[in-house]
Protein backbone atom coordinates (compact mmCIF):
# COMPACT_ATOMS: atom_id res chain seq x y z
CA UNK A 1 0.00 0.00 0.00
CA UNK A 2 1.19 3.53 -0.78
CA UNK A 3 2.72 5.55 2.03
CA UNK A 4 0.86 8.69 3.17
CA UNK A 5 2.90 11.89 3.21
CA UNK A 6 1.33 14.84 5.03
CA UNK A 7 2.61 18.34 4.30
CA UNK A 8 1.62 21.25 6.54
CA UNK A 9 3.01 24.64 7.46
CA UNK A 10 3.93 23.64 11.00
CA UNK A 11 5.01 20.24 12.29
CA UNK A 12 5.27 19.70 16.02
CA UNK A 13 7.02 16.51 17.03
CA UNK A 14 5.12 14.69 19.83
CA UNK A 15 8.24 14.67 22.02
CA UNK A 16 8.27 18.49 22.12
CA UNK A 17 7.13 19.83 25.49
CA UNK A 18 4.78 22.53 24.21
CA UNK A 19 1.14 21.44 23.73
CA UNK A 20 -0.08 21.13 20.20
CA UNK A 21 -1.99 24.25 19.18
CA UNK A 22 -4.82 24.30 16.71
CA UNK A 23 -7.44 21.89 15.51
CA UNK A 24 -5.42 20.75 12.50
CA UNK A 25 -2.55 19.38 14.58
CA UNK A 26 -4.88 17.67 17.03
CA UNK A 27 -7.19 16.12 14.42
CA UNK A 28 -4.45 14.98 12.05
CA UNK A 29 -2.41 13.68 14.96
CA UNK A 30 -5.35 11.55 16.09
CA UNK A 31 -5.70 10.07 12.59
CA UNK A 32 -2.03 9.26 11.95
CA UNK A 33 -0.99 5.70 11.24
CA UNK A 34 2.49 4.15 11.59
CA UNK A 35 4.47 4.53 8.41
CA UNK A 36 3.28 8.06 7.69
CA UNK A 37 5.74 10.85 6.84
CA UNK A 38 4.80 14.33 8.08
CA UNK A 39 6.75 17.23 6.55
CA UNK A 40 6.75 20.93 7.39
CA UNK A 41 8.30 23.86 9.20
CA UNK A 42 10.06 23.18 12.50
CA UNK A 43 8.93 26.43 14.09
CA UNK A 44 12.57 27.57 14.21
CA UNK A 45 13.78 30.64 12.36
CA UNK A 46 16.98 32.52 11.93
CA UNK A 47 19.11 29.38 11.76
CA UNK A 48 18.81 28.90 8.02
CA UNK A 49 18.98 25.10 8.15
CA UNK A 50 17.98 23.99 4.65
CA UNK A 51 18.11 20.19 4.88
CA UNK A 52 15.24 18.33 6.56
CA UNK A 53 15.77 16.98 10.07
CA UNK A 54 14.19 13.55 10.58
CA UNK A 55 12.61 12.34 13.80
CA UNK A 56 10.75 9.10 14.58
CA UNK A 57 7.88 8.83 17.08
CA UNK A 58 5.23 6.10 17.39
CA UNK A 59 6.06 4.78 13.94
CA UNK A 60 5.65 8.17 12.24
CA UNK A 61 8.54 10.01 10.59
CA UNK A 62 8.58 13.78 11.13
CA UNK A 63 10.67 15.78 8.64
CA UNK A 64 11.17 19.45 9.49
CA UNK A 65 12.95 22.39 7.91
CA UNK A 66 13.81 25.81 9.31
CA UNK A 67 13.12 29.27 7.90
CA UNK A 68 15.11 32.45 7.86
CA UNK A 69 13.68 35.55 9.52
CA UNK A 70 13.03 37.07 6.09
CA UNK A 71 11.12 33.98 4.93
CA UNK A 72 9.07 33.91 8.11
CA UNK A 73 8.02 37.54 7.84
CA UNK A 74 7.22 37.48 4.13
CA UNK A 75 5.66 34.02 3.93
CA UNK A 76 3.90 33.67 7.29
CA UNK A 77 3.37 37.09 8.89
CA UNK A 78 3.06 38.87 5.56
CA UNK A 79 1.21 37.10 2.79
CA UNK A 80 -0.31 34.13 4.64
CA UNK A 81 -1.74 36.09 7.54
CA UNK A 82 -1.80 39.60 6.12
CA UNK A 83 -3.51 38.74 2.83
CA UNK A 84 -4.86 35.18 2.60
CA UNK A 85 -6.27 34.84 6.11
CA UNK A 86 -8.39 38.04 5.97
CA UNK A 87 -9.44 37.33 2.38
CA UNK A 88 -10.69 33.81 3.11
CA UNK A 89 -12.49 35.09 6.22
CA UNK A 90 -14.33 37.76 4.20
CA UNK A 91 -12.35 40.68 5.67
CA UNK A 92 -11.24 42.67 2.64
CA UNK A 93 -10.85 45.68 4.93
CA UNK A 94 -7.96 43.82 6.62
CA UNK A 95 -6.31 42.60 3.43
CA UNK A 96 -2.76 43.93 3.01
CA UNK A 97 -1.12 42.88 -0.26
CA UNK A 98 2.55 43.53 -0.98
CA UNK A 99 4.14 41.97 -4.03
CA UNK A 100 7.45 41.19 -2.32
CA UNK A 101 5.56 39.25 0.38
CA UNK A 102 3.74 37.25 -2.27
CA UNK A 103 7.08 36.49 -3.93
CA UNK A 104 8.41 35.38 -0.53
CA UNK A 105 5.34 33.16 -0.09
CA UNK A 106 5.97 31.51 -3.45
CA UNK A 107 9.65 31.16 -2.57
CA UNK A 108 8.97 29.26 0.66
CA UNK A 109 6.55 26.96 -1.16
CA UNK A 110 9.27 26.24 -3.72
CA UNK A 111 11.74 25.64 -0.86
CA UNK A 112 9.34 23.17 0.78
CA UNK A 113 8.81 21.33 -2.50
CA UNK A 114 12.54 21.06 -3.15
CA UNK A 115 13.25 19.78 0.37
CA UNK A 116 10.38 17.27 0.32
CA UNK A 117 10.87 15.67 -3.08
CA UNK A 118 14.09 13.71 -2.26
CA UNK A 119 12.28 12.10 0.69
CA UNK A 120 9.49 10.64 -1.44
CA UNK A 121 8.99 7.16 -2.84
CA UNK A 122 7.52 6.83 -6.31
CA UNK A 123 4.13 5.57 -5.13
CA UNK A 124 3.65 7.93 -2.15
CA UNK A 125 0.35 9.75 -1.73
CA UNK A 126 1.03 13.40 -0.86
CA UNK A 127 -1.57 15.35 1.12
CA UNK A 128 -0.92 19.10 1.44
CA UNK A 129 -2.81 21.10 4.08
CA UNK A 130 -4.06 24.64 4.29
CA UNK A 131 -3.73 28.12 2.90
CA UNK A 132 -0.03 28.63 3.62
CA UNK A 133 0.88 25.94 1.08
CA UNK A 134 -1.49 26.50 -1.85
CA UNK A 135 1.35 26.58 -4.44
CA UNK A 136 3.29 23.61 -2.99
CA UNK A 137 1.76 21.08 -5.39
CA UNK A 138 2.53 23.21 -8.44
CA UNK A 139 6.12 23.68 -7.25
CA UNK A 140 6.44 19.90 -6.91
CA UNK A 141 5.11 19.45 -10.45
CA UNK A 142 7.70 21.94 -11.71
CA UNK A 143 10.39 19.70 -10.21
CA UNK A 144 9.04 16.67 -12.03
CA UNK A 145 6.75 15.09 -9.42
CA UNK A 146 4.26 12.64 -10.88
CA UNK A 147 2.79 11.70 -7.51
CA UNK A 148 -0.87 11.81 -6.67
CA UNK A 149 -1.10 15.06 -4.71
CA UNK A 150 -4.14 16.28 -2.81
CA UNK A 151 -4.85 19.56 -1.06
CA UNK A 152 -7.19 20.34 1.82
CA UNK A 153 -8.25 23.84 2.85
CA UNK A 154 -9.17 24.05 6.54
CA UNK A 155 -10.56 27.58 6.34
CA UNK A 156 -13.42 28.96 4.21
CA UNK A 157 -13.14 29.59 0.48
CA UNK A 158 -14.60 32.73 -1.07
CA UNK A 159 -16.76 33.45 -4.13
CA UNK A 160 -15.22 34.94 -7.29
CA UNK A 161 -16.09 38.52 -6.37
CA UNK A 162 -13.86 38.32 -3.31
CA UNK A 163 -11.04 36.20 -4.74
CA UNK A 164 -10.77 38.61 -7.66
CA UNK A 165 -9.91 41.40 -5.20
CA UNK A 166 -6.58 39.71 -4.49
CA UNK A 167 -4.13 40.78 -7.22
CA UNK A 168 -2.72 37.24 -7.48
CA UNK A 169 -6.08 35.51 -6.92
CA UNK A 170 -6.33 33.91 -10.34
CA UNK A 171 -2.71 32.76 -10.13
CA UNK A 172 -3.36 31.04 -6.81
CA UNK A 173 -6.48 29.45 -8.26
CA UNK A 174 -4.37 28.01 -11.07
CA UNK A 175 -1.97 26.65 -8.44
CA UNK A 176 -4.84 24.73 -6.86
CA UNK A 177 -5.52 23.16 -10.24
CA UNK A 178 -2.14 21.41 -10.05
CA UNK A 179 -3.59 19.05 -7.43
CA UNK A 180 -5.44 15.85 -8.23
CA UNK A 181 -7.96 16.39 -5.42
CA UNK A 182 -9.00 19.58 -3.62
CA UNK A 183 -11.01 19.20 -0.41
CA UNK A 184 -13.09 21.46 1.84
CA UNK A 185 -15.05 21.04 5.06
CA UNK A 186 -18.43 22.09 3.64
CA UNK A 187 -20.35 22.04 0.39
CA UNK A 188 -20.60 25.84 0.51
CA UNK A 189 -16.80 26.17 0.46
CA UNK A 190 -16.52 23.62 -2.35
CA UNK A 191 -19.17 25.41 -4.41
CA UNK A 192 -17.37 28.74 -3.90
CA UNK A 193 -14.17 27.18 -5.26
CA UNK A 194 -15.98 25.76 -8.28
CA UNK A 195 -17.62 29.13 -8.91
CA UNK A 196 -14.14 30.69 -8.99
CA UNK A 197 -12.88 28.04 -11.40
CA UNK A 198 -15.81 28.79 -13.67
CA UNK A 199 -15.86 32.57 -13.27
CA UNK A 200 -12.13 33.37 -13.20
CA UNK A 201 -10.64 30.53 -15.28
CA UNK A 202 -13.54 29.91 -17.64
CA UNK A 203 -13.59 26.17 -16.87
CA UNK A 204 -17.03 24.60 -16.48
CA UNK A 205 -17.03 21.79 -13.88
CA UNK A 206 -18.88 18.54 -14.44
CA UNK A 207 -21.95 17.67 -12.40
CA UNK A 208 -19.83 15.75 -9.89
CA UNK A 209 -17.65 18.80 -9.21
CA UNK A 210 -14.62 17.60 -11.17
CA UNK A 211 -13.04 19.51 -14.05
CA UNK A 212 -10.07 19.41 -16.40
CA UNK A 213 -7.46 22.15 -16.35
CA UNK A 214 -4.33 21.97 -18.51
CA UNK A 215 -4.81 18.24 -19.11
CA UNK A 216 -5.22 17.40 -15.42
CA UNK A 217 -8.53 16.18 -14.04
CA UNK A 218 -9.13 17.81 -10.67
CA UNK A 219 -11.65 16.24 -8.32
CA UNK A 220 -13.28 18.11 -5.44
CA UNK A 221 -15.02 16.94 -2.30
CA UNK A 222 -16.42 18.15 0.99
CA UNK A 223 -15.07 16.19 3.93
CA UNK A 224 -15.85 17.55 7.41
CA UNK A 225 -13.11 16.90 9.93
CA UNK A 226 -13.98 15.39 13.30
CA UNK A 227 -12.53 14.56 16.69
CA UNK A 228 -11.90 11.40 18.67
CA UNK A 229 -15.06 11.96 20.69
CA UNK A 230 -14.70 8.83 22.81
CA UNK A 231 -11.22 9.86 23.94
CA UNK A 232 -12.25 13.47 24.57
CA UNK A 233 -15.31 12.45 26.56
CA UNK A 234 -13.18 10.19 28.77
CA UNK A 235 -10.67 13.03 29.26
CA UNK A 236 -13.49 15.40 30.25
CA UNK A 237 -14.95 12.92 32.75
CA UNK A 238 -11.54 12.40 34.37
CA UNK A 239 -10.72 16.09 34.41
CA UNK A 240 -14.08 16.94 35.99
CA UNK A 241 -12.93 15.03 39.08
CA UNK A 242 -9.61 16.90 39.22
CA UNK A 243 -8.32 19.83 41.22
CA UNK A 244 -8.71 22.51 38.51
CA UNK A 245 -12.40 21.80 37.94
CA UNK A 246 -12.96 21.65 41.69
CA UNK A 247 -11.40 25.11 41.96
CA UNK A 248 -13.61 26.59 39.25
CA UNK A 249 -16.73 25.02 40.78
CA UNK A 250 -15.87 26.48 44.17
CA UNK A 251 -15.22 29.92 42.66
CA UNK A 252 -18.62 29.92 40.92
CA UNK A 253 -20.60 29.45 44.16
CA UNK A 254 -23.26 27.42 42.27
CA UNK A 255 -23.53 29.99 39.48
CA UNK A 256 -23.88 28.84 35.86
CA UNK A 257 -20.79 28.94 33.64
CA UNK A 258 -20.69 29.97 29.99
CA UNK A 259 -17.41 29.16 28.24
CA UNK A 260 -15.63 30.20 25.07
CA UNK A 261 -12.23 28.91 24.00
CA UNK A 262 -10.56 30.35 20.91
CA UNK A 263 -7.31 31.60 19.53
CA UNK A 264 -7.12 35.36 19.91
CA UNK A 265 -8.13 36.09 16.33
CA UNK A 266 -10.48 38.59 14.72
CA UNK A 267 -12.26 35.80 12.83
CA UNK A 268 -13.52 34.35 16.14
CA UNK A 269 -15.87 37.26 16.82
CA UNK A 270 -14.74 37.85 20.41
CA UNK A 271 -15.73 41.55 20.57
CA UNK A 272 -19.17 40.58 19.24
CA UNK A 273 -19.42 37.80 21.84
CA UNK A 274 -18.58 40.17 24.70
CA UNK A 275 -21.14 42.68 23.44
CA UNK A 276 -23.74 39.90 23.29
CA UNK A 277 -22.98 38.98 26.92
CA UNK A 278 -23.34 42.66 27.77
CA UNK A 279 -26.77 42.59 26.10
CA UNK A 280 -27.74 39.50 28.08
CA UNK A 281 -27.06 41.29 31.35
CA UNK A 282 -28.80 44.46 30.13
CA UNK A 283 -31.94 42.84 28.69
CA UNK A 284 -32.25 39.90 31.08
CA UNK A 285 -31.20 41.33 34.45
CA UNK A 286 -32.44 38.21 36.23
CA UNK A 287 -29.18 36.54 35.17
CA UNK A 288 -26.96 39.13 36.87
CA UNK A 289 -24.97 37.50 39.61
CA UNK A 290 -26.11 34.05 38.46
CA UNK A 291 -23.83 33.40 35.49
CA UNK A 292 -20.13 33.92 34.80
CA UNK A 293 -18.52 33.81 31.39
CA UNK A 294 -15.04 32.32 31.05
CA UNK A 295 -13.30 33.31 27.83
CA UNK A 296 -9.99 31.63 27.06
CA UNK A 297 -8.32 33.47 24.18
CA UNK A 298 -4.83 32.06 23.67
CA UNK A 299 -2.53 34.66 22.16
CA UNK A 300 -1.44 34.05 18.57
CA UNK A 301 0.40 35.91 15.80
CA UNK A 302 1.48 38.56 18.26
CA UNK A 303 3.83 40.10 15.70
CA UNK A 304 0.86 41.00 13.46
CA UNK A 305 -0.54 44.50 14.11
CA UNK A 306 -4.19 43.46 13.74
CA UNK A 307 -3.85 41.01 16.61
CA UNK A 308 -2.25 43.58 18.88
CA UNK A 309 -5.14 45.95 18.15
CA UNK A 310 -7.67 43.18 18.83
CA UNK A 311 -6.15 42.43 22.20
CA UNK A 312 -6.43 46.09 23.22
CA UNK A 313 -10.07 46.16 22.09
CA UNK A 314 -10.90 43.07 24.13
CA UNK A 315 -9.11 44.40 27.21
CA UNK A 316 -11.21 47.57 27.00
CA UNK A 317 -14.51 45.73 26.46
CA UNK A 318 -13.96 43.36 29.37
CA UNK A 319 -13.03 46.25 31.62
CA UNK A 320 -16.11 48.23 30.59
CA UNK A 321 -18.53 45.31 31.07
CA UNK A 322 -17.06 44.16 34.37
CA UNK A 323 -16.96 47.73 35.64
CA UNK A 324 -20.63 48.22 34.76
CA UNK A 325 -22.07 45.05 36.27
CA UNK A 326 -19.64 43.61 38.83
CA UNK A 327 -20.59 43.15 42.48
CA UNK A 328 -18.14 42.78 45.32
CA UNK A 329 -18.54 38.98 45.09
CA UNK A 330 -19.18 38.51 41.34
CA UNK A 331 -17.43 39.41 38.09
CA UNK A 332 -19.40 38.79 34.86
CA UNK A 333 -16.46 37.95 32.54
CA UNK A 334 -13.33 36.00 33.39
CA UNK A 335 -10.87 36.60 30.58
CA UNK A 336 -7.49 34.96 30.10
CA UNK A 337 -5.06 35.08 27.19
CA UNK A 338 -2.81 32.17 28.06
CA UNK A 339 -3.42 28.73 26.61
CA UNK A 340 -4.91 25.95 28.71
CA UNK A 341 -4.23 22.27 28.17
CA UNK A 342 -6.84 20.18 26.36
CA UNK A 343 -7.30 18.26 29.59
CA UNK A 344 -8.18 21.40 31.54
CA UNK A 345 -10.47 22.70 28.81
CA UNK A 346 -12.25 19.35 28.59
CA UNK A 347 -13.09 19.51 32.28
CA UNK A 348 -14.25 23.12 32.05
CA UNK A 349 -16.47 22.28 29.05
CA UNK A 350 -18.08 19.51 31.07
CA UNK A 351 -19.21 21.82 33.87
CA UNK A 352 -20.22 24.70 31.57
CA UNK A 353 -23.97 25.16 31.15
CA UNK A 354 -23.41 27.09 27.90
CA UNK A 355 -20.79 26.62 25.17
CA UNK A 356 -20.22 29.78 23.13
CA UNK A 357 -18.80 29.07 19.66
CA UNK A 358 -19.60 32.19 17.66
CA UNK A 359 -16.93 32.89 15.02
CA UNK A 360 -17.68 35.42 12.31
CA UNK A 361 -16.40 32.87 9.77
CA UNK A 362 -14.74 29.50 10.27
CA UNK A 363 -13.79 26.49 8.19
CA UNK A 364 -15.07 23.96 10.73
CA UNK A 365 -14.35 24.77 14.42
CA UNK A 366 -13.62 21.68 16.46
CA UNK A 367 -14.30 23.42 19.79
CA UNK A 368 -18.02 22.98 19.04
CA UNK A 369 -17.55 19.22 18.72
CA UNK A 370 -15.33 19.05 21.78
CA UNK A 371 -17.93 20.86 23.87
CA UNK A 372 -20.58 18.33 22.82
CA UNK A 373 -18.26 15.39 23.53
CA UNK A 374 -17.40 16.71 26.99
CA UNK A 375 -20.99 16.90 28.26
CA UNK A 376 -22.53 14.63 30.87
CA UNK A 377 -25.48 12.64 29.54
CA UNK A 378 -27.30 13.19 32.83
CA UNK A 379 -27.12 17.00 32.72
CA UNK A 380 -25.79 18.28 29.38
CA UNK A 381 -25.10 21.90 28.59
CA UNK A 382 -26.30 23.82 25.54
CA UNK A 383 -24.14 24.68 22.52
CA UNK A 384 -24.62 28.11 20.93
CA UNK A 385 -23.08 28.01 17.46
CA UNK A 386 -22.48 30.58 14.73
CA UNK A 387 -24.23 29.90 11.46
CA UNK A 388 -20.96 30.89 9.76
CA UNK A 389 -18.92 28.07 11.31
CA UNK A 390 -18.53 25.00 9.12
CA UNK A 391 -19.67 22.90 12.08
CA UNK A 392 -23.14 24.45 11.82
CA UNK A 393 -23.79 22.34 8.72
CA UNK A 394 -23.61 19.25 10.92
CA UNK A 395 -24.62 20.38 14.40
CA UNK A 396 -28.12 21.57 13.59
CA UNK A 397 -29.50 20.81 17.06
CA UNK A 398 -27.33 23.53 18.58
CA UNK A 399 -28.82 26.99 19.01
CA UNK A 400 -27.70 28.49 15.68
CA UNK A 401 -27.11 32.25 15.75
CA UNK A 402 -25.87 35.13 13.63
CA UNK A 403 -22.83 36.38 15.59
CA UNK A 404 -23.22 39.88 14.14
CA UNK A 405 -26.55 40.23 16.00
CA UNK A 406 -25.73 40.80 19.68
CA UNK A 407 -29.42 40.66 20.62
CA UNK A 408 -29.91 37.29 18.91
CA UNK A 409 -26.90 35.81 20.71
CA UNK A 410 -28.08 37.27 24.03
CA UNK A 411 -31.51 35.72 23.46
CA UNK A 412 -29.87 32.37 22.71
CA UNK A 413 -27.87 32.52 25.96
CA UNK A 414 -31.08 33.28 27.83
CA UNK A 415 -32.79 30.37 26.07
CA UNK A 416 -29.92 28.06 27.02
CA UNK A 417 -30.01 29.15 30.67
CA UNK A 418 -33.76 28.62 30.94
CA UNK A 419 -33.98 25.43 28.85
CA UNK A 420 -35.50 22.49 30.70
CA UNK A 421 -33.51 19.29 31.18
CA UNK A 422 -35.59 17.10 28.78
CA UNK A 423 -34.96 19.48 25.86
CA UNK A 424 -31.28 19.77 26.72
CA UNK A 425 -30.97 15.99 26.73
CA UNK A 426 -32.83 15.65 23.43
CA UNK A 427 -30.68 18.22 21.67
CA UNK A 428 -27.46 16.79 23.10
CA UNK A 429 -28.30 13.21 22.14
CA UNK A 430 -28.78 14.24 18.51
CA UNK A 431 -25.53 16.23 18.57
CA UNK A 432 -23.74 13.32 20.20
CA UNK A 433 -24.65 10.95 17.37
CA UNK A 434 -23.19 13.35 14.82
CA UNK A 435 -19.99 14.06 16.76
CA UNK A 436 -19.28 10.41 17.56
CA UNK A 437 -19.76 9.42 13.91
CA UNK A 438 -17.20 11.87 12.50
CA UNK A 439 -13.81 10.52 13.55
CA UNK A 440 -10.38 11.74 12.37
CA UNK A 441 -9.88 8.31 10.76
CA UNK A 442 -13.08 8.75 8.74
CA UNK A 443 -11.95 12.20 7.61
CA UNK A 444 -8.59 10.80 6.47
CA UNK A 445 -10.01 7.69 4.83
CA UNK A 446 -12.67 9.68 2.94
CA UNK A 447 -10.09 11.98 1.40
CA UNK A 448 -7.57 9.28 0.60
CA UNK A 449 -10.22 7.09 -1.05
CA UNK A 450 -10.65 9.88 -3.60
CA UNK A 451 -6.91 10.61 -3.88
CA UNK A 452 -5.84 7.04 -4.55
CA UNK A 453 -5.43 6.21 -8.25
């Protein structure tokens, strides 16, 4: 059987002490099988090491390369997160395009392709992940690769009107056409990609979503990623008996807990979420002193100006809301910007009456699935989920909201807090069936079944 080769921007070796950050690393890590090769950036910069370093762990080979400071700033801080991230999250007002950063982005993709190719066997299946590496497949083709190469985008795709705003949008679209298979989490994202292929490249897809571009047939699919729900549920049950959960229970004094856990990113809608909680306390004063909101917002991309501005905005909002409503023995919002372990979060999810997952735009959002998995069947909490998260396509029994409407989100929190136990159980049971069915192995197998020749 062909070996699977995963290519992603960042590779974290399991023996590293730092916890894995991000849903991609967690979900792919759960679906790895012995014999896999995982290739990507080491996280180190400034050293200029150009040859891959190889590490073995649990039967998986990890191959990592370093970047220079210049590559990091042009490829990662600049084009990836200054242009592509805001574009694919529908934030043209945040899009900063500089041609030298785009050239640096293409250069790193060419560097990755050149470092990876000597490690490959002739029959390997290559699976490239996410927006940082859109041109990697094309760069491999330029070097003579005849492998089956697939690409998966873990964030939303945009319709032609938005992609066309990026000066190199059509060029990146052509790069995606160098892959044999292109995958997305939802049908909406897949249809947006096909609309771009038709509208910007003039290629009409077949009814099954495949098309031919420059003599290559490109297949597309939607393949929602999942979690190991059984493992996460067991972790949550164990953690709920631990010291950290006991501390948070004692600090609540029998009050309800609403929880949000996100990277500190403008796509997550954190200012909107805080304003919605403000509206809850304003419009439904009966909840004052009876609910606390815990928002974990782990800092990320701190060298990007937009994220520094966001942090200042959130600091101000939390201060304003707490100053307006706090009592001597109660603070409405508990806000922390350091990361918590998955174990700690799992326990906190389990005791939270409300799970707030309200991004302004998201490819999938695995926090929603983790919150469902963490719940107790005897007394489950209620998930409030943005209609613009990919997970909303699957988790229809959540309370689905428009995160731009603070009143609607406030009303959903009130509904969750007043929902009777039988309805909470009914909604959770339906969500549970969906979450337990969508494993990381199923996600991997579904994509590779299409990628295999």
